[in-house]
Amino acid sequence: MALNYYQFNLSLFKPEVHHLLGGNGRAVGEFPILYYIVGQLFRIFGVSYAVFRIVHFLPLVISLLYLAYFLIKKVNCSLLPVLSIIVCLFSYPLIAYYGLNFLPNVPSIGFFIIGGILLTDYLFFEETTSKISKKLVWSSIMIALSALLKPTTISSYTIFIGVIIISFLFPRFAPCIKKNKKLPIIISFIGIAIVNLLWFYYAAYYKKINHATYFLIDILPYWNIDKEKLKFINERILTLWMPVIAHKSMIYLSVLSGIFVIVSSIIRKHYFILLFFTGGFVLDTFILLLWYEAFTDHDYYFINLYSFVFVIFILSMYYIQTYTNKSTYFSQIKNAVYVIVLFTIIWNLQQSRQILEERYAPNSIWKENFNAYFYDPRLKEIIKSIGFTPKTKVISIPDKSTNITLALLNLKGITQLYEGYHWNNDLSNLPEVAKKYDIKYLVICSPEWIHREDFKRIRTKELGHFESIYFFELLE
């Protein structure tokens, strides 16, 4: 999308992807502001994946630096636990991998953290008499942006608003939240909801007028999956995705921290924290169930959980700090806890290093659609000499993703993923699909497909090739 913003000089609200998506490739899901920014930066620095990665990683880095400043200066936390929380988030394999990649999940978490800090500052530290607080305004902007990039990231914020509404009815439920700040927060939430609804309806309208098959809220719920596929997904989560989410020690630490927060909130009668915690857990679980079938192929849906886990660790640190301020005995326990956390982070970092090595290995299963020759500048010369332009439409196989090979080739068209249908063992309907979308060319990125019998039955003319990437014209 960023490349198309750059090369076709598109406006922010008229994005395109390389896949035709059942129409002309004009479709949108999450708000594409980051892709648009990257597209404009390409005009300054040229097309560079490094620029792309930096833009997507920057919000998380800024948010964690701001969090460190806030916890040390405003909450009076010591440096060690603050650094532990920050390094902890960076140590998760999914954050380490997708943080420097191109999906909006990680920057969405970054904007959410910034918005959450500003909201906390407004609630508990700002003594304001003005009707409009700049911190609340900027908090609303950051949280709205987080939701526009990935709506499920702000599930914790949604539960928090629920707690605020309950505290309106039962003031003793959250006595630490001042009454004069509750109404502005609810108004802020309404504003965030309106902005996101406006984008939702625009995305639906944009899909409709361009006849696209992709849309923002297509769900894949747990209860619609047949038993055989459900068994496969469950096995895949346990064997393939769980090591990618976190090291076992970090999962145990998260569970223990959650139990600690629940017990502490009950002991100290912080019922608003108890409701916030349990509500957040229930909502995040429900969100996972709504998109459960997506775990067949995608692990990044788990990234949304990290925002809630992050809140758990911050609440845990808050209660530990509270206990140690009242007793030297708890101070000794705190030191032991930090040692355990330190070793857990080290194990998690080791897990992240191993996962990254596996994912970037040339023969990795994660590189099923990857061909090293895509990055060779000589390939671009071959494509240019054939007469292809970025608007040339092709069928690119094998590729079970939506855009990978098309984006690397910088060509429009379709892949094996075509309106929910995958070409796995039969290419007999390829000419029919090509005719439907007025596609005259075929790209084969794996030589094995050229020797298949069903391919030989298709009338083609080879236009050229570079190493293992072949270009064909589809004949009538």
Protein backbone atom coordinates (compact mmCIF):
# COMPACT_ATOMS: atom_id res chain seq x y z
CA MET A 1 0.00 0.00 0.00
CA ALA A 2 2.83 2.41 0.88
CA LEU A 3 4.52 1.71 -2.47
CA ASN A 4 1.26 2.45 -4.32
CA TYR A 5 0.81 5.71 -2.40
CA TYR A 6 4.27 6.68 -3.64
CA GLN A 7 4.23 5.55 -7.26
CA PHE A 8 0.61 6.47 -8.10
CA ASN A 9 0.51 9.67 -6.00
CA LEU A 10 -2.68 8.55 -4.25
CA SER A 11 -4.54 10.57 -1.64
CA LEU A 12 -4.75 9.26 1.93
CA PHE A 13 -8.37 8.18 1.52
CA LYS A 14 -7.94 6.37 -1.81
CA PRO A 15 -5.41 3.60 -1.11
CA GLU A 16 -4.61 0.64 -3.34
CA VAL A 17 -2.98 -2.73 -2.78
CA HIS A 18 -1.32 -4.93 -5.39
CA HIS A 19 -3.92 -7.72 -5.15
CA LEU A 20 -7.08 -6.96 -7.14
CA LEU A 21 -9.26 -8.20 -4.26
CA GLY A 22 -12.11 -9.05 -6.57
CA GLY A 23 -12.11 -5.57 -8.12
CA ASN A 24 -9.34 -3.11 -8.94
CA GLY A 25 -7.21 -3.39 -5.79
CA ARG A 26 -8.80 -0.35 -4.18
CA ALA A 27 -9.72 -1.45 -0.68
CA VAL A 28 -8.90 -0.52 2.88
CA GLY A 29 -9.24 -2.00 6.34
CA GLU A 30 -7.38 -0.29 9.16
CA PHE A 31 -6.68 3.44 8.81
CA PRO A 32 -3.65 3.63 6.46
CA ILE A 33 -2.00 6.74 7.90
CA LEU A 34 1.37 5.04 8.50
CA TYR A 35 1.46 3.61 4.98
CA TYR A 36 0.68 7.08 3.64
CA ILE A 37 3.49 8.64 5.68
CA VAL A 38 5.93 5.97 4.45
CA GLY A 39 4.80 6.63 0.87
CA GLN A 40 5.63 10.34 1.28
CA LEU A 41 9.01 9.52 2.85
CA PHE A 42 9.80 7.35 -0.17
CA ARG A 43 9.76 10.61 -2.18
CA ILE A 44 12.59 11.92 0.01
CA PHE A 45 14.68 8.80 0.71
CA GLY A 46 13.68 6.57 -2.20
CA VAL A 47 11.91 3.21 -1.81
CA SER A 48 13.52 1.76 1.31
CA TYR A 49 12.30 -1.00 3.59
CA ALA A 50 14.50 0.48 6.32
CA VAL A 51 12.37 3.66 6.28
CA PHE A 52 9.25 1.50 6.42
CA ARG A 53 10.54 -0.43 9.46
CA ILE A 54 11.65 2.69 11.34
CA VAL A 55 8.28 4.43 10.92
CA HIS A 56 6.43 1.36 12.22
CA PHE A 57 8.81 0.80 15.14
CA LEU A 58 9.10 4.44 16.26
CA PRO A 59 5.71 4.73 18.07
CA LEU A 60 6.57 1.80 20.36
CA VAL A 61 10.05 3.15 21.15
CA ILE A 62 8.70 6.63 21.93
CA SER A 63 5.89 5.20 24.05
CA LEU A 64 8.25 3.13 26.21
CA LEU A 65 10.65 6.04 26.73
CA TYR A 66 7.70 8.21 27.74
CA LEU A 67 6.48 5.45 30.07
CA ALA A 68 9.91 5.28 31.75
CA TYR A 69 9.89 9.05 32.25
CA PHE A 70 6.36 9.00 33.66
CA LEU A 71 6.92 6.13 36.08
CA ILE A 72 10.18 7.54 37.41
CA LYS A 73 9.21 11.23 37.60
CA LYS A 74 5.50 11.06 38.44
CA VAL A 75 5.02 7.72 40.20
CA ASN A 76 8.48 7.74 41.87
CA CYS A 77 9.32 4.21 40.76
CA SER A 78 12.93 3.06 40.90
CA LEU A 79 14.87 2.54 37.69
CA LEU A 80 15.22 -1.26 37.88
CA PRO A 81 11.51 -2.23 37.78
CA VAL A 82 10.83 0.36 35.07
CA LEU A 83 13.60 -0.99 32.87
CA SER A 84 12.37 -4.53 33.59
CA ILE A 85 8.91 -3.74 32.22
CA ILE A 86 10.31 -2.03 29.12
CA VAL A 87 12.81 -4.78 28.30
CA CYS A 88 10.11 -7.33 29.06
CA LEU A 89 7.88 -6.00 26.29
CA PHE A 90 10.76 -5.89 23.80
CA SER A 91 11.69 -9.46 24.70
CA TYR A 92 8.49 -11.03 23.37
CA PRO A 93 9.23 -12.89 20.10
CA LEU A 94 6.19 -11.44 18.30
CA ILE A 95 7.13 -7.88 19.27
CA ALA A 96 10.76 -8.49 18.30
CA TYR A 97 9.68 -9.80 14.88
CA TYR A 98 6.69 -7.65 13.94
CA GLY A 99 8.03 -4.51 15.64
CA LEU A 100 10.43 -4.02 12.73
CA ASN A 101 7.98 -5.20 10.10
CA PHE A 102 5.03 -3.75 8.26
CA LEU A 103 1.84 -4.64 10.16
CA PRO A 104 0.04 -1.94 12.20
CA ASN A 105 -0.33 -4.06 15.37
CA VAL A 106 2.87 -2.95 17.10
CA PRO A 107 2.60 0.80 16.35
CA SER A 108 -1.01 0.56 17.53
CA ILE A 109 0.25 -0.67 20.91
CA GLY A 110 2.73 2.24 20.98
CA PHE A 111 -0.01 4.84 20.46
CA PHE A 112 -2.19 3.05 23.04
CA ILE A 113 0.58 3.23 25.67
CA ILE A 114 1.08 6.96 25.04
CA GLY A 115 -2.67 7.57 25.27
CA GLY A 116 -2.91 5.49 28.44
CA ILE A 117 -0.09 7.41 30.14
CA LEU A 118 -1.67 10.77 29.27
CA LEU A 119 -5.04 9.55 30.55
CA THR A 120 -3.48 8.33 33.82
CA ASP A 121 -1.64 11.63 34.21
CA TYR A 122 -4.90 13.53 33.70
CA LEU A 123 -6.85 11.35 36.14
CA PHE A 124 -4.47 11.13 39.09
CA PHE A 125 -1.84 13.85 38.76
CA GLU A 126 -3.28 16.87 36.96
CA GLU A 127 -4.92 19.51 39.12
CA THR A 128 -6.80 21.34 36.42
CA THR A 129 -9.59 23.86 36.75
CA SER A 130 -10.02 24.40 33.01
CA LYS A 131 -12.88 22.71 31.21
CA ILE A 132 -10.61 21.30 28.51
CA SER A 133 -7.44 19.45 29.48
CA LYS A 134 -4.68 19.26 26.87
CA LYS A 135 -3.59 15.92 28.31
CA LEU A 136 -7.08 14.48 27.91
CA VAL A 137 -7.30 15.83 24.36
CA TRP A 138 -3.96 14.30 23.37
CA SER A 139 -4.87 11.08 25.16
CA SER A 140 -8.05 10.90 23.07
CA ILE A 141 -6.09 11.49 19.85
CA MET A 142 -3.53 8.78 20.67
CA ILE A 143 -6.15 6.20 21.70
CA ALA A 144 -8.28 7.01 18.65
CA LEU A 145 -5.24 6.55 16.41
CA SER A 146 -4.44 3.26 18.13
CA ALA A 147 -7.99 2.04 17.50
CA LEU A 148 -7.94 3.21 13.88
CA LEU A 149 -4.76 1.20 13.30
CA LYS A 150 -6.03 -1.89 15.15
CA PRO A 151 -9.41 -1.65 16.93
CA THR A 152 -8.83 -4.65 19.20
CA THR A 153 -5.75 -3.02 20.78
CA ILE A 154 -7.88 -0.70 22.94
CA SER A 155 -9.97 -3.43 24.58
CA SER A 156 -8.51 -2.48 27.99
CA TYR A 157 -9.53 1.15 27.43
CA THR A 158 -13.09 0.05 26.57
CA ILE A 159 -13.34 -1.83 29.87
CA PHE A 160 -11.89 1.19 31.70
CA ILE A 161 -14.70 3.36 30.30
CA GLY A 162 -17.16 0.76 31.59
CA VAL A 163 -15.62 1.14 35.05
CA ILE A 164 -15.97 4.94 34.81
CA ILE A 165 -19.66 4.60 33.89
CA ILE A 166 -20.26 2.24 36.85
CA SER A 167 -18.48 4.70 39.17
CA PHE A 168 -21.01 7.34 38.06
CA LEU A 169 -23.76 5.15 39.48
CA PHE A 170 -21.75 3.98 42.50
CA PRO A 171 -19.25 6.74 43.49
CA ARG A 172 -17.68 4.64 46.26
CA PHE A 173 -16.73 2.04 43.68
CA ALA A 174 -13.85 4.23 42.42
CA PRO A 175 -13.24 6.95 45.03
CA CYS A 176 -9.77 7.78 43.64
CA ILE A 177 -11.29 9.08 40.39
CA LYS A 178 -12.49 12.63 40.89
CA LYS A 179 -16.10 13.30 39.98
CA ASN A 180 -15.35 16.37 37.84
CA LYS A 181 -13.10 14.24 35.58
CA LYS A 182 -15.52 11.42 34.86
CA LEU A 183 -17.79 13.27 32.44
CA PRO A 184 -14.89 14.64 30.28
CA ILE A 185 -13.52 11.07 30.00
CA ILE A 186 -16.87 9.73 28.81
CA ILE A 187 -17.19 12.59 26.31
CA SER A 188 -13.68 11.73 25.12
CA PHE A 189 -14.71 8.08 24.67
CA ILE A 190 -17.77 9.13 22.64
CA GLY A 191 -15.50 11.21 20.41
CA ILE A 192 -13.14 8.26 19.89
CA ALA A 193 -16.08 5.99 19.09
CA ILE A 194 -17.50 8.48 16.55
CA VAL A 195 -14.14 8.81 14.77
CA ASN A 196 -13.79 5.04 14.49
CA LEU A 197 -17.39 4.58 13.33
CA LEU A 198 -16.89 7.21 10.63
CA TRP A 199 -13.83 5.33 9.40
CA PHE A 200 -15.73 2.04 9.54
CA TYR A 201 -18.49 3.38 7.32
CA TYR A 202 -16.03 4.98 4.94
CA ALA A 203 -14.13 1.67 4.61
CA ALA A 204 -17.42 -0.10 3.88
CA TYR A 205 -18.34 2.55 1.29
CA TYR A 206 -14.89 2.38 -0.33
CA LYS A 207 -15.19 -1.39 -0.57
CA LYS A 208 -18.64 -1.17 -2.12
CA ILE A 209 -17.85 1.34 -4.87
CA ASN A 210 -14.71 -0.61 -5.86
CA HIS A 211 -16.33 -4.08 -5.66
CA ALA A 212 -13.60 -5.33 -3.31
CA THR A 213 -13.76 -8.59 -1.35
CA TYR A 214 -11.69 -7.35 1.59
CA PHE A 215 -13.27 -5.57 4.53
CA LEU A 216 -12.36 -4.34 8.00
CA ILE A 217 -14.47 -6.55 10.26
CA ASP A 218 -14.64 -9.91 8.53
CA ILE A 219 -14.67 -12.27 11.52
CA LEU A 220 -13.72 -15.95 11.71
CA PRO A 221 -15.38 -17.12 14.96
CA TYR A 222 -14.57 -20.22 16.95
CA TRP A 223 -18.14 -21.53 16.86
CA ASN A 224 -18.25 -21.66 13.05
CA ILE A 225 -15.23 -23.98 12.71
CA ASP A 226 -15.78 -27.70 12.02
CA LYS A 227 -14.23 -30.27 14.38
CA GLU A 228 -11.41 -31.39 12.11
CA LYS A 229 -10.21 -27.87 11.40
CA LEU A 230 -10.62 -26.88 15.05
CA LYS A 231 -8.37 -29.78 16.05
CA PHE A 232 -5.78 -28.65 13.50
CA ILE A 233 -5.88 -25.03 14.74
CA ASN A 234 -5.56 -26.09 18.39
CA GLU A 235 -2.53 -28.25 17.57
CA ARG A 236 -1.01 -25.41 15.58
CA ILE A 237 -1.45 -22.98 18.49
CA LEU A 238 0.14 -25.38 20.97
CA THR A 239 3.05 -26.50 18.81
CA LEU A 240 3.79 -23.56 16.53
CA TRP A 241 2.31 -20.35 17.95
CA MET A 242 2.87 -20.73 21.71
CA PRO A 243 6.70 -20.61 21.47
CA VAL A 244 6.30 -17.52 19.27
CA ILE A 245 4.06 -15.75 21.80
CA ALA A 246 6.50 -16.03 24.72
CA HIS A 247 8.83 -18.34 26.60
CA LYS A 248 6.98 -20.61 29.04
CA SER A 249 8.54 -18.79 31.99
CA MET A 250 7.07 -15.50 30.77
CA ILE A 251 3.64 -17.06 30.39
CA TYR A 252 3.86 -18.39 33.97
CA LEU A 253 5.03 -14.96 35.19
CA SER A 254 2.08 -13.29 33.44
CA VAL A 255 -0.39 -15.70 35.07
CA LEU A 256 1.17 -15.24 38.53
CA SER A 257 1.18 -11.45 38.08
CA GLY A 258 -2.50 -11.58 37.14
CA ILE A 259 -3.32 -13.60 40.28
CA PHE A 260 -1.25 -11.17 42.37
CA VAL A 261 -3.19 -8.19 40.97
CA ILE A 262 -6.55 -9.88 41.66
CA VAL A 263 -5.64 -10.78 45.26
CA SER A 264 -4.12 -7.35 45.95
CA SER A 265 -7.12 -5.50 44.53
CA ILE A 266 -9.43 -7.54 46.78
CA ILE A 267 -7.26 -7.04 49.89
CA ARG A 268 -6.98 -3.30 49.32
CA LYS A 269 -10.63 -3.06 48.21
CA HIS A 270 -9.70 -1.63 44.82
CA TYR A 271 -12.81 -3.03 43.23
CA PHE A 272 -12.54 -0.77 40.18
CA ILE A 273 -9.14 -2.39 39.40
CA LEU A 274 -10.65 -5.85 39.98
CA LEU A 275 -13.49 -5.14 37.56
CA PHE A 276 -11.11 -3.57 35.05
CA PHE A 277 -8.83 -6.61 35.19
CA THR A 278 -11.52 -9.29 34.95
CA GLY A 279 -13.44 -7.35 32.28
CA GLY A 280 -10.28 -6.94 30.21
CA PHE A 281 -9.52 -10.65 30.45
CA VAL A 282 -13.05 -11.62 29.36
CA LEU A 283 -13.11 -9.13 26.48
CA ASP A 284 -9.66 -10.16 25.15
CA THR A 285 -10.65 -13.82 25.33
CA PHE A 286 -13.84 -13.07 23.40
CA ILE A 287 -11.85 -11.15 20.75
CA LEU A 288 -9.55 -14.14 20.27
CA LEU A 289 -12.56 -16.42 19.83
CA LEU A 290 -14.05 -14.04 17.24
CA TRP A 291 -10.97 -14.43 15.01
CA TYR A 292 -10.01 -17.95 16.08
CA GLU A 293 -9.90 -19.39 12.56
CA ALA A 294 -7.24 -16.81 11.63
CA PHE A 295 -4.77 -18.77 13.77
CA THR A 296 -4.64 -21.33 10.99
CA ASP A 297 -2.06 -19.14 9.25
CA HIS A 298 -1.46 -16.04 11.36
CA ASP A 299 0.20 -15.53 14.73
CA TYR A 300 0.07 -11.72 14.84
CA TYR A 301 -3.50 -11.74 16.16
CA PHE A 302 -1.93 -12.58 19.53
CA ILE A 303 -0.09 -9.23 19.57
CA ASN A 304 -3.25 -7.51 20.83
CA LEU A 305 -2.93 -9.49 24.07
CA TYR A 306 0.32 -7.74 24.93
CA SER A 307 -1.40 -4.44 25.72
CA PHE A 308 -3.41 -6.22 28.44
CA VAL A 309 -0.37 -8.17 29.71
CA PHE A 310 1.52 -4.88 29.82
CA VAL A 311 -1.20 -3.38 32.02
CA ILE A 312 -0.95 -6.43 34.33
CA PHE A 313 2.80 -5.89 34.83
CA ILE A 314 2.34 -2.19 35.56
CA LEU A 315 -0.40 -2.93 38.12
CA SER A 316 1.82 -5.60 39.68
CA MET A 317 4.67 -3.11 39.99
CA TYR A 318 2.27 -0.58 41.54
CA TYR A 319 1.17 -3.04 44.24
CA ILE A 320 4.74 -4.23 44.91
CA GLN A 321 5.81 -0.60 45.32
CA THR A 322 2.86 0.03 47.67
CA TYR A 323 3.70 -2.95 49.88
CA THR A 324 7.44 -2.22 50.06
CA ASN A 325 6.80 1.39 51.11
CA LYS A 326 5.06 0.06 54.24
CA SER A 327 7.36 -2.80 55.25
CA THR A 328 11.09 -3.68 55.02
CA TYR A 329 10.04 -7.33 54.90
CA PHE A 330 8.26 -6.76 51.63
CA SER A 331 11.31 -4.83 50.42
CA GLN A 332 13.36 -8.05 50.64
CA ILE A 333 10.64 -9.98 48.81
CA LYS A 334 10.64 -7.29 46.13
CA ASN A 335 14.36 -7.85 45.48
CA ALA A 336 13.76 -11.59 45.10
CA VAL A 337 10.88 -10.92 42.71
CA TYR A 338 13.06 -8.67 40.55
CA VAL A 339 15.75 -11.36 40.34
CA ILE A 340 13.12 -13.87 39.14
CA VAL A 341 11.80 -11.34 36.63
CA LEU A 342 15.36 -10.69 35.38
CA PHE A 343 15.99 -14.39 34.68
CA THR A 344 12.56 -14.71 33.05
CA ILE A 345 13.36 -11.83 30.71
CA ILE A 346 16.72 -13.41 29.84
CA TRP A 347 15.00 -16.69 28.93
CA ASN A 348 12.43 -14.81 26.90
CA LEU A 349 15.18 -12.91 25.05
CA GLN A 350 16.85 -16.21 24.24
CA GLN A 351 13.51 -17.49 22.92
CA SER A 352 13.15 -14.36 20.79
CA ARG A 353 16.63 -14.76 19.34
CA GLN A 354 15.90 -18.37 18.41
CA ILE A 355 12.54 -17.49 16.83
CA LEU A 356 14.07 -14.66 14.79
CA GLU A 357 16.85 -16.94 13.54
CA GLU A 358 14.27 -19.54 12.49
CA ARG A 359 12.07 -17.00 10.73
CA TYR A 360 14.89 -15.38 8.80
CA ALA A 361 16.59 -18.67 7.84
CA PRO A 362 16.48 -19.20 4.02
CA ASN A 363 14.83 -22.64 4.32
CA SER A 364 12.39 -21.61 7.03
CA ILE A 365 8.70 -22.54 6.81
CA TRP A 366 8.05 -18.86 7.49
CA LYS A 367 9.48 -18.07 4.04
CA GLU A 368 7.12 -20.24 2.04
CA ASN A 369 6.40 -17.35 -0.36
CA PHE A 370 9.94 -15.99 -0.27
CA ASN A 371 12.42 -16.15 -3.13
CA ALA A 372 15.82 -14.55 -2.64
CA TYR A 373 15.89 -13.42 -6.27
CA PHE A 374 13.01 -11.00 -5.62
CA TYR A 375 15.56 -8.60 -4.12
CA ASP A 376 18.05 -8.85 -6.98
CA PRO A 377 18.08 -5.55 -8.96
CA ARG A 378 18.54 -7.56 -12.17
CA LEU A 379 15.00 -8.87 -11.78
CA LYS A 380 13.63 -5.33 -12.13
CA GLU A 381 15.55 -4.96 -15.38
CA ILE A 382 14.02 -8.20 -16.72
CA ILE A 383 10.51 -7.02 -15.78
CA LYS A 384 11.14 -3.67 -17.46
CA SER A 385 12.57 -5.29 -20.62
CA ILE A 386 9.45 -7.48 -20.97
CA GLY A 387 7.39 -4.31 -20.96
CA PHE A 388 5.66 -4.74 -17.60
CA THR A 389 4.74 -1.64 -15.57
CA PRO A 390 3.37 -1.33 -12.01
CA LYS A 391 -0.15 -1.38 -13.49
CA THR A 392 0.40 -4.65 -15.42
CA LYS A 393 -1.95 -7.36 -14.12
CA VAL A 394 -0.59 -10.88 -13.55
CA ILE A 395 -1.43 -14.11 -11.79
CA SER A 396 1.45 -14.90 -9.42
CA ILE A 397 1.94 -18.49 -8.23
CA PRO A 398 2.80 -20.12 -5.93
CA ASP A 399 1.77 -17.61 -3.28
CA LYS A 400 -0.87 -18.30 -0.63
CA SER A 401 -0.62 -14.78 0.75
CA THR A 402 -2.52 -11.79 -0.54
CA ASN A 403 0.31 -9.51 -1.59
CA ILE A 404 3.82 -10.84 -0.93
CA THR A 405 5.01 -11.80 -4.41
CA LEU A 406 2.93 -9.11 -6.11
CA ALA A 407 4.43 -6.42 -3.90
CA LEU A 408 7.98 -7.70 -4.38
CA LEU A 409 7.46 -7.82 -8.14
CA ASN A 410 5.58 -4.49 -7.98
CA LEU A 411 2.81 -5.79 -10.25
CA LYS A 412 -0.98 -5.80 -9.89
CA GLY A 413 -3.03 -8.99 -10.04
CA ILE A 414 -4.00 -12.00 -7.94
CA THR A 415 -2.24 -14.85 -6.16
CA GLN A 416 -3.38 -18.30 -5.07
CA LEU A 417 -5.50 -16.47 -2.53
CA TYR A 418 -8.45 -15.52 -4.69
CA GLU A 419 -11.82 -14.73 -3.07
CA GLY A 420 -11.25 -17.39 -0.43
CA TYR A 421 -10.18 -20.01 -2.98
CA HIS A 422 -6.71 -21.56 -3.04
CA TRP A 423 -5.16 -23.23 -6.08
CA ASN A 424 -3.41 -26.13 -4.44
CA ASN A 425 -3.41 -29.06 -6.84
CA ASP A 426 -5.49 -27.93 -9.79
CA LEU A 427 -4.83 -25.10 -12.25
CA SER A 428 -7.61 -26.02 -14.64
CA ASN A 429 -9.65 -22.90 -13.87
CA LEU A 430 -6.70 -20.50 -14.16
CA PRO A 431 -7.62 -19.37 -17.74
CA GLU A 432 -11.19 -18.70 -16.56
CA VAL A 433 -10.00 -16.56 -13.66
CA ALA A 434 -7.58 -14.70 -15.93
CA LYS A 435 -10.36 -13.93 -18.37
CA LYS A 436 -12.67 -12.69 -15.62
CA TYR A 437 -10.14 -10.09 -14.50
CA ASP A 438 -8.68 -9.37 -17.92
CA ILE A 439 -5.30 -10.76 -16.88
CA LYS A 440 -2.98 -11.66 -19.76
CA TYR A 441 0.18 -12.67 -17.92
CA LEU A 442 1.35 -15.36 -15.52
CA VAL A 443 4.34 -15.32 -13.15
CA ILE A 444 5.64 -18.61 -11.76
CA CYS A 445 8.07 -18.21 -8.88
CA SER A 446 8.90 -21.89 -8.46
CA PRO A 447 10.20 -24.05 -11.37
CA GLU A 448 8.39 -27.16 -10.10
CA TRP A 449 5.08 -25.68 -11.26
CA ILE A 450 6.27 -25.47 -14.86
CA HIS A 451 6.58 -29.26 -15.03
CA ARG A 452 3.07 -29.92 -13.73
CA GLU A 453 0.68 -31.57 -16.16
CA ASP A 454 -2.15 -29.13 -15.45
CA PHE A 455 0.17 -26.24 -16.30
CA LYS A 456 1.27 -27.85 -19.56
CA ARG A 457 -2.38 -27.94 -20.66
CA ILE A 458 -2.59 -24.14 -20.40
CA ARG A 459 -1.56 -22.30 -23.59
CA THR A 460 1.28 -19.96 -22.69
CA LYS A 461 4.24 -18.21 -24.25
CA GLU A 462 7.38 -17.63 -22.17
CA LEU A 463 8.40 -13.96 -22.16
CA GLY A 464 11.53 -14.34 -20.10
CA HIS A 465 12.87 -15.54 -16.79
CA PHE A 466 15.37 -14.67 -14.12
CA GLU A 467 16.80 -17.61 -12.21
CA SER A 468 13.72 -19.43 -10.79
CA ILE A 469 11.15 -16.70 -11.66
CA TYR A 470 9.37 -17.17 -15.00
CA PHE A 471 7.09 -14.80 -16.93
CA PHE A 472 4.46 -16.04 -19.38
CA GLU A 473 1.81 -14.61 -21.65
CA LEU A 474 -1.55 -16.41 -21.41
CA LEU A 475 -2.77 -17.26 -24.91
CA GLU A 476 -6.40 -17.62 -25.95
